[in-house]
Amino acid sequence: MFRTIARYGARQAPGAWRAAMRALLSGQGVRGPAIREFEERFAAYHGVRQAIAASYGRMAFYYILRALDLPEGSEILIPALTFWVVPEMARVAGLRPVFVDVDPRTYTLDPQDMARAITERTRVVVPTHLYGQPCDMEPILRLAERHDLWVIEDCAHALGATYRGRKVGTFGHAAFFSFQLLKGLNTYGGGMAITDDDALAQRIRRLAEAEPWPSALSVLGKLVLGWLQQVFISPRGFTFSLFPVFWLASLVGDRDVSAFLWEKIRRLDPLPASYRRRYSNAQAVIGLRALDYVEEWNARSRQYARRLSEGLAGMASLALPHPLPETEPVYYQYCIRVSDPEALTRRALRRGIDIEMMHVDICTTLPLFASEARPCPVAETAVETRQLPVYSGLHPSDVERIVRVIREIGRDLPPLGIPAQEVAAHGRFD
């Protein structure tokens, strides 16, 4: 049978979904002891004292910002290449996002541009470990200390990644994680804030626990919807559901029809009522089981990423990821820069491999943030990137097939143009 490869896979520990359903049917789907146990084990996994669960990763971020109690209009430095929700949640919390360009090697926050963006109103910096690649934390922390800035790490893509032998999320004053379906730890939604600051943790917890509990019906809805989504992106489910739609669309143009499935970019003030809920016990049951497998899953993704790097090395049409020294990424996605990204995407899809076009946003180009835009030329080169599948649910033969197909297509593509490093030094000049 023709086997297709979806751009994403959902991680799920054996028996976790059934255990969550049992908790729900026993009357402990909403409230229960698993929430606190999950928080404690998540904190222990990172070697910090405090972890606070939230309904979304974005809400964990929002609670952290609110707990800082900063003056209205304080500036927060955020990489220009990130999910649009991050700067929007900062605005909802009363802060003004200031965008910072990214490092051309990793597409994470560039410390040199961070230094240029700091003003007397800057109070916070958000290093985002994008695609599971750790930021260069030493110069970021040095600048933050010099200017008395709060450091809030965005670890939505990077659970388990390390910088100089230490897990990301433990370098700043606090960090937040996402447990959405496709993330490194999936509990069908939810998020976590972590910190070693007990007073800050107390304020975060007070905000999170002031929200109402979700209904049992809404928790059931999350579990059922998550299960259905997993079916649609499983090898057989994807082959007979989403893949034919994407394939037909590729015949009539380059438009990514999956964009219709994305969350609409919009103002979030006031916050949607669905955001303002507590994290459920059924989700924590799933999270506890998943923690036992995170290291195994991450090791597999790293193995697949190494194979992609070996197999795609030396191609003039591609630029591969360049992790920083003394870092161990977790490869939420394997981000490559391509001379003709549309052609690569279209031709790979016709051979059964679905490639992600743009998982995050170049925020300086969005109308939503027109008033906050500043030049970020390296971030703008992200339009030339594609993200290859590298999730732990792939079979090794899938990875070999990805290498073979991308090499065959890549040979026919023109050489890559201006290196991102030159864009960083001189701006775009094409």
Protein backbone atom coordinates (compact mmCIF):
# COMPACT_ATOMS: atom_id res chain seq x y z
CA MET A 1 0.00 0.00 0.00
CA PHE A 2 1.18 3.53 -0.78
CA ARG A 3 2.41 4.99 2.51
CA THR A 4 2.34 8.73 3.04
CA ILE A 5 4.29 10.72 5.63
CA ALA A 6 2.44 13.49 7.48
CA ARG A 7 4.28 16.64 8.50
CA TYR A 8 3.39 15.97 12.15
CA GLY A 9 2.86 13.10 14.53
CA ALA A 10 1.26 13.16 17.96
CA ARG A 11 3.12 11.64 20.89
CA GLN A 12 1.02 9.44 23.14
CA ALA A 13 2.19 7.16 25.93
CA PRO A 14 0.70 3.64 25.85
CA GLY A 15 -2.61 3.46 27.70
CA ALA A 16 -2.64 7.20 28.52
CA TRP A 17 -5.86 8.04 26.65
CA ARG A 18 -7.73 5.12 28.26
CA ALA A 19 -6.43 6.10 31.70
CA ALA A 20 -7.72 9.64 31.18
CA MET A 21 -11.13 8.32 30.12
CA ARG A 22 -11.25 6.10 33.20
CA ALA A 23 -10.50 9.13 35.39
CA LEU A 24 -13.29 11.03 33.67
CA LEU A 25 -15.81 8.20 34.07
CA SER A 26 -14.87 7.77 37.74
CA GLY A 27 -15.67 11.42 38.48
CA GLN A 28 -12.03 12.60 38.57
CA GLY A 29 -11.76 13.99 35.09
CA VAL A 30 -11.95 17.62 36.22
CA ARG A 31 -10.51 17.78 39.75
CA GLY A 32 -8.16 15.26 41.27
CA PRO A 33 -4.71 14.50 42.71
CA ALA A 34 -2.98 13.95 39.37
CA ILE A 35 -2.72 17.71 38.73
CA ARG A 36 -0.44 18.40 41.67
CA GLU A 37 1.50 15.19 41.10
CA PHE A 38 2.09 16.17 37.47
CA GLU A 39 3.25 19.64 38.52
CA GLU A 40 5.68 18.16 41.05
CA ARG A 41 7.12 15.63 38.61
CA PHE A 42 7.43 18.23 35.85
CA ALA A 43 9.33 20.51 38.25
CA ALA A 44 11.57 17.63 39.30
CA TYR A 45 12.28 16.75 35.65
CA HIS A 46 13.68 20.26 35.20
CA GLY A 47 15.35 20.48 38.60
CA VAL A 48 13.30 23.51 39.71
CA ARG A 49 11.17 24.05 42.77
CA GLN A 50 7.86 25.13 41.27
CA ALA A 51 5.57 24.22 38.36
CA ILE A 52 2.04 25.52 37.82
CA ALA A 53 -0.34 23.96 35.29
CA ALA A 54 -2.55 26.11 33.06
CA SER A 55 -5.24 25.62 30.43
CA TYR A 56 -2.85 26.64 27.61
CA GLY A 57 0.85 27.38 27.23
CA ARG A 58 -0.16 30.93 26.29
CA MET A 59 -2.05 31.28 29.56
CA ALA A 60 1.00 30.09 31.52
CA PHE A 61 2.90 32.91 29.77
CA TYR A 62 0.13 35.39 30.54
CA TYR A 63 0.07 34.45 34.24
CA ILE A 64 3.86 34.86 34.45
CA LEU A 65 3.65 38.35 32.94
CA ARG A 66 0.77 39.36 35.17
CA ALA A 67 2.63 38.05 38.21
CA LEU A 68 5.58 40.35 37.43
CA ASP A 69 3.30 43.35 38.09
CA LEU A 70 5.08 45.61 35.61
CA PRO A 71 4.01 49.16 34.72
CA GLU A 72 1.52 49.43 31.86
CA GLY A 73 3.30 49.88 28.53
CA SER A 74 6.60 48.35 29.65
CA GLU A 75 8.52 46.89 26.71
CA ILE A 76 9.03 43.18 26.24
CA LEU A 77 11.61 41.87 23.74
CA ILE A 78 10.28 38.99 21.63
CA PRO A 79 11.90 37.33 18.60
CA ALA A 80 10.31 38.42 15.32
CA LEU A 81 10.00 34.76 14.34
CA THR A 82 7.49 33.24 16.75
CA PHE A 83 3.86 32.22 17.05
CA TRP A 84 1.75 35.39 16.80
CA VAL A 85 -0.04 34.50 20.03
CA VAL A 86 3.08 35.20 22.12
CA PRO A 87 3.35 38.96 21.41
CA GLU A 88 -0.44 39.26 21.43
CA MET A 89 -0.65 37.75 24.92
CA ALA A 90 2.04 40.21 26.02
CA ARG A 91 -0.19 43.04 24.78
CA VAL A 92 -3.17 41.58 26.62
CA ALA A 93 -1.01 41.60 29.77
CA GLY A 94 -0.45 45.34 29.27
CA LEU A 95 3.05 45.25 27.76
CA ARG A 96 4.38 46.57 24.44
CA PRO A 97 6.12 43.93 22.28
CA VAL A 98 9.39 44.98 20.65
CA PHE A 99 10.59 42.55 18.01
CA VAL A 100 14.17 41.33 17.84
CA ASP A 101 15.83 39.69 14.85
CA VAL A 102 17.00 36.09 14.96
CA ASP A 103 20.30 34.23 14.72
CA PRO A 104 20.81 32.98 11.13
CA ARG A 105 22.19 29.66 12.37
CA THR A 106 19.22 28.68 14.52
CA TYR A 107 16.41 31.21 13.90
CA THR A 108 16.39 31.88 17.66
CA LEU A 109 16.77 35.30 19.31
CA ASP A 110 19.92 37.19 18.24
CA PRO A 111 21.74 38.66 21.29
CA GLN A 112 23.35 41.39 19.14
CA ASP A 113 20.01 42.68 17.91
CA MET A 114 18.61 42.30 21.42
CA ALA A 115 21.26 44.77 22.61
CA ARG A 116 20.18 47.25 19.92
CA ALA A 117 16.50 46.92 20.88
CA ILE A 118 16.87 47.64 24.63
CA THR A 119 15.58 51.01 25.85
CA GLU A 120 14.94 52.55 29.26
CA ARG A 121 11.40 51.09 29.07
CA THR A 122 12.51 47.48 28.46
CA ARG A 123 11.60 45.16 31.32
CA VAL A 124 11.39 41.61 29.90
CA VAL A 125 13.07 39.43 27.25
CA VAL A 126 11.59 36.18 25.89
CA PRO A 127 14.20 33.79 24.45
CA THR A 128 12.21 31.34 22.28
CA HIS A 129 13.85 27.95 21.76
CA LEU A 130 12.35 27.68 18.28
CA TYR A 131 11.98 24.27 16.60
CA GLY A 132 13.61 22.77 19.70
CA GLN A 133 16.92 24.62 19.10
CA PRO A 134 18.27 26.20 22.32
CA CYS A 135 19.00 29.92 22.23
CA ASP A 136 22.47 31.22 23.00
CA MET A 137 21.59 31.88 26.62
CA GLU A 138 24.92 33.15 27.98
CA PRO A 139 24.98 36.52 26.13
CA ILE A 140 21.22 36.89 26.57
CA LEU A 141 21.53 36.45 30.33
CA ARG A 142 24.52 38.79 30.46
CA LEU A 143 22.54 41.55 28.72
CA ALA A 144 19.51 40.88 30.89
CA GLU A 145 21.57 41.20 34.07
CA ARG A 146 23.21 44.40 32.84
CA HIS A 147 19.84 46.01 32.09
CA ASP A 148 17.88 44.43 34.97
CA LEU A 149 15.49 42.50 32.72
CA TRP A 150 13.21 39.61 33.55
CA VAL A 151 14.01 36.53 31.42
CA ILE A 152 11.01 34.37 30.50
CA GLU A 153 11.94 31.35 28.35
CA ASP A 154 9.51 30.12 25.69
CA CYS A 155 9.96 26.34 25.71
CA ALA A 156 6.84 25.39 23.75
CA HIS A 157 9.00 23.53 21.19
CA ALA A 158 11.87 22.51 23.43
CA LEU A 159 10.91 20.18 26.27
CA GLY A 160 14.09 18.32 27.19
CA ALA A 161 16.53 20.36 25.07
CA THR A 162 19.76 21.33 26.82
CA TYR A 163 22.23 24.20 26.73
CA ARG A 164 25.66 23.42 28.20
CA GLY A 165 24.29 20.34 29.88
CA ARG A 166 21.33 22.05 31.53
CA LYS A 167 17.69 21.87 30.45
CA VAL A 168 16.21 24.92 28.77
CA GLY A 169 13.60 26.61 30.92
CA THR A 170 15.93 26.72 33.90
CA PHE A 171 18.10 29.71 32.91
CA GLY A 172 15.61 32.56 33.23
CA HIS A 173 13.40 33.74 36.04
CA ALA A 174 10.56 31.59 34.67
CA ALA A 175 9.59 29.55 31.60
CA PHE A 176 6.46 28.25 29.94
CA PHE A 177 5.63 25.07 28.01
CA SER A 178 2.78 23.96 25.76
CA PHE A 179 1.07 20.55 25.84
CA GLN A 180 -0.88 20.94 22.59
CA LEU A 181 -1.44 17.81 20.48
CA LEU A 182 1.75 18.11 18.39
CA LYS A 183 4.15 19.27 21.09
CA GLY A 184 6.91 17.32 22.83
CA LEU A 185 4.48 16.35 25.59
CA ASN A 186 0.85 16.06 24.50
CA THR A 187 -2.04 16.24 26.97
CA TYR A 188 -4.59 17.44 24.39
CA GLY A 189 -3.98 21.03 25.35
CA GLY A 190 -2.68 22.71 28.45
CA GLY A 191 0.58 24.27 29.51
CA MET A 192 2.96 24.76 32.42
CA ALA A 193 4.90 27.59 34.03
CA ILE A 194 8.07 26.76 35.94
CA THR A 195 10.28 28.86 38.21
CA ASP A 196 12.70 28.66 41.12
CA ASP A 197 11.26 31.88 42.57
CA ASP A 198 8.80 30.81 45.27
CA ALA A 199 7.19 34.24 45.60
CA LEU A 200 6.70 34.50 41.83
CA ALA A 201 5.28 30.96 41.75
CA GLN A 202 2.78 31.86 44.46
CA ARG A 203 1.51 34.81 42.42
CA ILE A 204 1.30 32.70 39.25
CA ARG A 205 -0.60 29.96 41.07
CA ARG A 206 -3.01 32.47 42.57
CA LEU A 207 -3.89 33.69 39.06
CA ALA A 208 -4.17 30.20 37.56
CA GLU A 209 -6.29 28.84 40.39
CA ALA A 210 -8.64 31.83 40.34
CA GLU A 211 -10.04 30.54 37.02
CA PRO A 212 -13.16 28.34 37.01
CA TRP A 213 -12.88 24.59 36.50
CA PRO A 214 -13.78 23.25 33.06
CA SER A 215 -16.93 21.16 32.75
CA ALA A 216 -16.67 17.38 32.49
CA LEU A 217 -18.24 17.66 29.05
CA SER A 218 -15.54 20.04 27.83
CA VAL A 219 -12.81 17.71 29.14
CA LEU A 220 -14.47 14.82 27.31
CA GLY A 221 -14.56 17.00 24.19
CA LYS A 222 -10.79 17.61 24.41
CA LEU A 223 -10.08 13.89 24.72
CA VAL A 224 -12.37 12.89 21.85
CA LEU A 225 -11.19 15.69 19.55
CA GLY A 226 -7.57 14.88 20.31
CA TRP A 227 -8.14 11.21 19.54
CA LEU A 228 -9.78 12.09 16.21
CA GLN A 229 -6.93 14.44 15.29
CA GLN A 230 -4.43 11.67 16.02
CA VAL A 231 -6.35 9.37 13.69
CA PHE A 232 -6.22 11.95 10.88
CA ILE A 233 -2.42 12.31 11.10
CA SER A 234 -1.66 8.63 11.62
CA PRO A 235 -0.06 6.98 8.55
CA ARG A 236 -3.25 5.26 7.37
CA GLY A 237 -5.60 8.04 8.48
CA PHE A 238 -3.55 10.74 6.77
CA THR A 239 -3.30 8.71 3.56
CA PHE A 240 -7.08 8.49 3.23
CA SER A 241 -8.16 11.87 4.66
CA LEU A 242 -5.94 14.98 4.56
CA PHE A 243 -3.37 13.79 2.05
CA PRO A 244 -5.77 13.57 -0.93
CA VAL A 245 -6.96 17.13 -0.21
CA PHE A 246 -3.41 18.48 -0.02
CA TRP A 247 -2.39 16.52 -3.14
CA LEU A 248 -5.30 17.82 -5.23
CA ALA A 249 -4.56 21.38 -4.11
CA SER A 250 -0.93 20.98 -5.19
CA LEU A 251 -2.12 20.25 -8.73
CA VAL A 252 -3.79 23.65 -9.11
CA GLY A 253 -1.29 25.91 -7.35
CA ASP A 254 1.16 26.41 -4.50
CA ARG A 255 -1.35 27.49 -1.89
CA ASP A 256 -1.08 25.57 1.35
CA VAL A 257 -4.67 24.50 2.05
CA SER A 258 -3.62 23.46 5.55
CA ALA A 259 -3.60 27.20 6.32
CA PHE A 260 -7.37 26.92 6.61
CA LEU A 261 -6.82 24.73 9.67
CA TRP A 262 -4.65 27.29 11.44
CA GLU A 263 -5.84 29.50 14.25
CA LYS A 264 -7.06 32.84 12.94
CA ILE A 265 -4.67 35.74 13.67
CA ARG A 266 -6.67 38.25 15.69
CA ARG A 267 -6.81 40.43 18.77
CA LEU A 268 -7.23 38.41 21.96
CA ASP A 269 -8.41 41.20 24.24
CA PRO A 270 -10.66 40.30 25.98
CA LEU A 271 -9.37 36.78 26.38
CA PRO A 272 -11.72 34.08 25.06
CA ALA A 273 -13.72 32.40 27.82
CA SER A 274 -12.26 29.00 26.85
CA TYR A 275 -8.80 30.25 27.83
CA ARG A 276 -9.93 31.13 31.32
CA ARG A 277 -10.23 27.63 32.72
CA ARG A 278 -8.12 25.47 34.98
CA TYR A 279 -6.12 22.49 33.85
CA SER A 280 -7.98 19.20 34.26
CA ASN A 281 -7.09 16.06 36.18
CA ALA A 282 -7.70 13.84 33.14
CA GLN A 283 -5.07 15.78 31.18
CA ALA A 284 -2.63 15.49 34.09
CA VAL A 285 -3.13 11.69 34.06
CA ILE A 286 -1.91 11.72 30.45
CA GLY A 287 0.97 14.03 31.30
CA LEU A 288 2.22 11.76 34.08
CA ARG A 289 2.46 8.82 31.72
CA ALA A 290 4.06 10.92 28.99
CA LEU A 291 6.88 12.07 31.30
CA ASP A 292 8.10 8.47 31.39
CA TYR A 293 8.67 8.53 27.62
CA VAL A 294 9.92 12.06 26.88
CA GLU A 295 13.62 11.17 26.89
CA GLU A 296 13.04 8.13 24.66
CA TRP A 297 10.96 10.18 22.21
CA ASN A 298 13.52 12.98 22.12
CA ALA A 299 16.39 10.54 21.55
CA ARG A 300 14.57 9.11 18.52
CA SER A 301 13.93 12.56 17.03
CA ARG A 302 17.61 13.45 17.51
CA GLN A 303 18.62 10.23 15.79
CA TYR A 304 16.37 11.04 12.83
CA ALA A 305 17.68 14.62 12.68
CA ARG A 306 21.28 13.34 12.57
CA ARG A 307 20.34 11.08 9.66
CA LEU A 308 18.76 14.00 7.80
CA SER A 309 21.89 16.09 8.38
CA GLU A 310 24.12 13.30 7.10
CA GLY A 311 21.92 12.46 4.12
CA LEU A 312 21.29 16.04 2.97
CA ALA A 313 24.79 17.44 3.55
CA GLY A 314 26.52 19.23 0.71
CA MET A 315 23.45 20.17 -1.31
CA ALA A 316 23.78 23.61 -2.94
CA SER A 317 20.02 24.19 -2.91
CA LEU A 318 19.61 23.64 0.85
CA ALA A 319 20.88 25.13 4.12
CA LEU A 320 20.60 22.74 7.06
CA PRO A 321 20.17 23.47 10.79
CA HIS A 322 23.33 24.49 12.65
CA PRO A 323 22.88 23.86 16.39
CA LEU A 324 25.03 25.99 18.63
CA PRO A 325 28.04 24.38 20.33
CA GLU A 326 27.29 22.67 23.64
CA THR A 327 23.58 22.37 22.87
CA GLU A 328 21.38 19.34 22.46
CA PRO A 329 18.26 20.25 20.47
CA VAL A 330 15.10 18.13 20.58
CA TYR A 331 14.10 18.83 16.95
CA TYR A 332 10.44 19.62 17.27
CA GLN A 333 10.92 20.27 13.54
CA TYR A 334 13.91 20.04 11.21
CA CYS A 335 14.07 23.50 9.65
CA ILE A 336 15.86 23.89 6.30
CA ARG A 337 16.27 26.90 4.02
CA VAL A 338 15.54 26.15 0.36
CA SER A 339 16.26 27.95 -2.91
CA ASP A 340 12.76 27.11 -4.25
CA PRO A 341 10.62 26.13 -1.26
CA GLU A 342 7.36 26.00 -3.23
CA ALA A 343 8.79 23.53 -5.74
CA LEU A 344 10.24 21.35 -2.97
CA THR A 345 6.94 21.28 -1.09
CA ARG A 346 4.83 20.56 -4.17
CA ARG A 347 7.06 17.84 -5.58
CA ALA A 348 7.60 16.12 -2.21
CA LEU A 349 3.84 16.04 -1.61
CA ARG A 350 3.27 14.36 -4.98
CA ARG A 351 5.65 11.66 -3.79
CA GLY A 352 3.77 11.17 -0.53
CA ILE A 353 5.76 13.42 1.84
CA ASP A 354 3.93 16.34 3.47
CA ILE A 355 6.24 19.24 4.39
CA GLU A 356 5.37 22.11 6.73
CA MET A 357 5.52 25.53 5.05
CA MET A 358 5.59 27.99 7.98
CA HIS A 359 4.77 26.76 11.45
CA VAL A 360 5.40 30.14 13.08
CA ASP A 361 4.93 33.75 12.01
CA ILE A 362 7.21 36.57 10.89
CA CYS A 363 5.49 38.93 13.28
CA THR A 364 7.01 42.12 11.86
CA THR A 365 5.10 41.45 8.61
CA LEU A 366 1.70 40.93 10.24
CA PRO A 367 -0.86 43.78 10.15
CA LEU A 368 -1.70 42.87 13.76
CA PHE A 369 1.69 44.25 14.82
CA ALA A 370 2.16 47.05 12.28
CA SER A 371 2.72 49.63 15.01
CA GLU A 372 5.48 47.50 16.63
CA ALA A 373 7.40 46.60 13.44
CA ARG A 374 11.17 47.18 13.21
CA PRO A 375 13.68 45.82 10.67
CA CYS A 376 14.36 42.12 11.20
CA PRO A 377 15.92 40.96 7.91
CA VAL A 378 17.02 37.49 9.01
CA ALA A 379 13.56 36.65 10.31
CA GLU A 380 12.20 37.61 6.91
CA THR A 381 14.32 34.89 5.28
CA ALA A 382 12.10 32.35 7.06
CA VAL A 383 9.74 32.54 4.07
CA GLU A 384 12.41 30.44 2.34
CA THR A 385 12.33 27.73 5.01
CA ARG A 386 10.54 24.43 5.18
CA GLN A 387 10.22 22.04 8.10
CA LEU A 388 10.88 18.37 7.41
CA PRO A 389 9.15 15.64 9.45
CA VAL A 390 11.39 14.38 12.23
CA TYR A 391 8.90 13.35 14.91
CA SER A 392 9.54 10.30 17.04
CA GLY A 393 6.61 8.34 15.57
CA LEU A 394 8.34 7.98 12.20
CA HIS A 395 9.82 4.64 11.18
CA PRO A 396 13.53 4.64 10.24
CA SER A 397 12.50 3.67 6.70
CA ASP A 398 10.39 6.86 6.55
CA VAL A 399 13.48 8.92 7.34
CA GLU A 400 15.49 7.16 4.63
CA ARG A 401 12.69 7.90 2.19
CA ILE A 402 12.64 11.57 3.18
CA VAL A 403 16.41 11.78 2.59
CA ARG A 404 16.13 10.09 -0.79
CA VAL A 405 13.20 12.21 -2.03
CA ILE A 406 14.61 15.54 -0.80
CA ARG A 407 18.00 14.78 -2.36
CA GLU A 408 16.43 13.88 -5.69
CA ILE A 409 14.31 17.03 -5.75
CA GLY A 410 17.11 19.21 -4.38
CA ARG A 411 19.45 18.27 -7.22
CA ASP A 412 17.04 19.89 -9.68
CA LEU A 413 16.69 23.14 -7.70
CA PRO A 414 18.91 26.20 -8.25
CA PRO A 415 21.65 27.02 -5.74
CA LEU A 416 20.58 28.87 -2.63
CA GLY A 417 20.99 32.65 -2.87
CA ILE A 418 22.25 35.07 -0.24
CA PRO A 419 23.30 33.19 2.92
CA ALA A 420 21.28 34.17 5.98
CA GLN A 421 24.56 35.16 7.67
CA GLU A 422 25.10 37.86 5.02
CA VAL A 423 21.53 39.02 5.43
CA ALA A 424 22.23 39.38 9.15
CA ALA A 425 25.30 41.48 8.46
CA HIS A 426 23.97 43.68 5.67
CA GLY A 427 20.20 43.35 5.49
CA ARG A 428 18.42 42.11 2.39
CA PHE A 429 19.93 43.47 -0.77
CA ASP A 430 18.41 41.29 -3.49
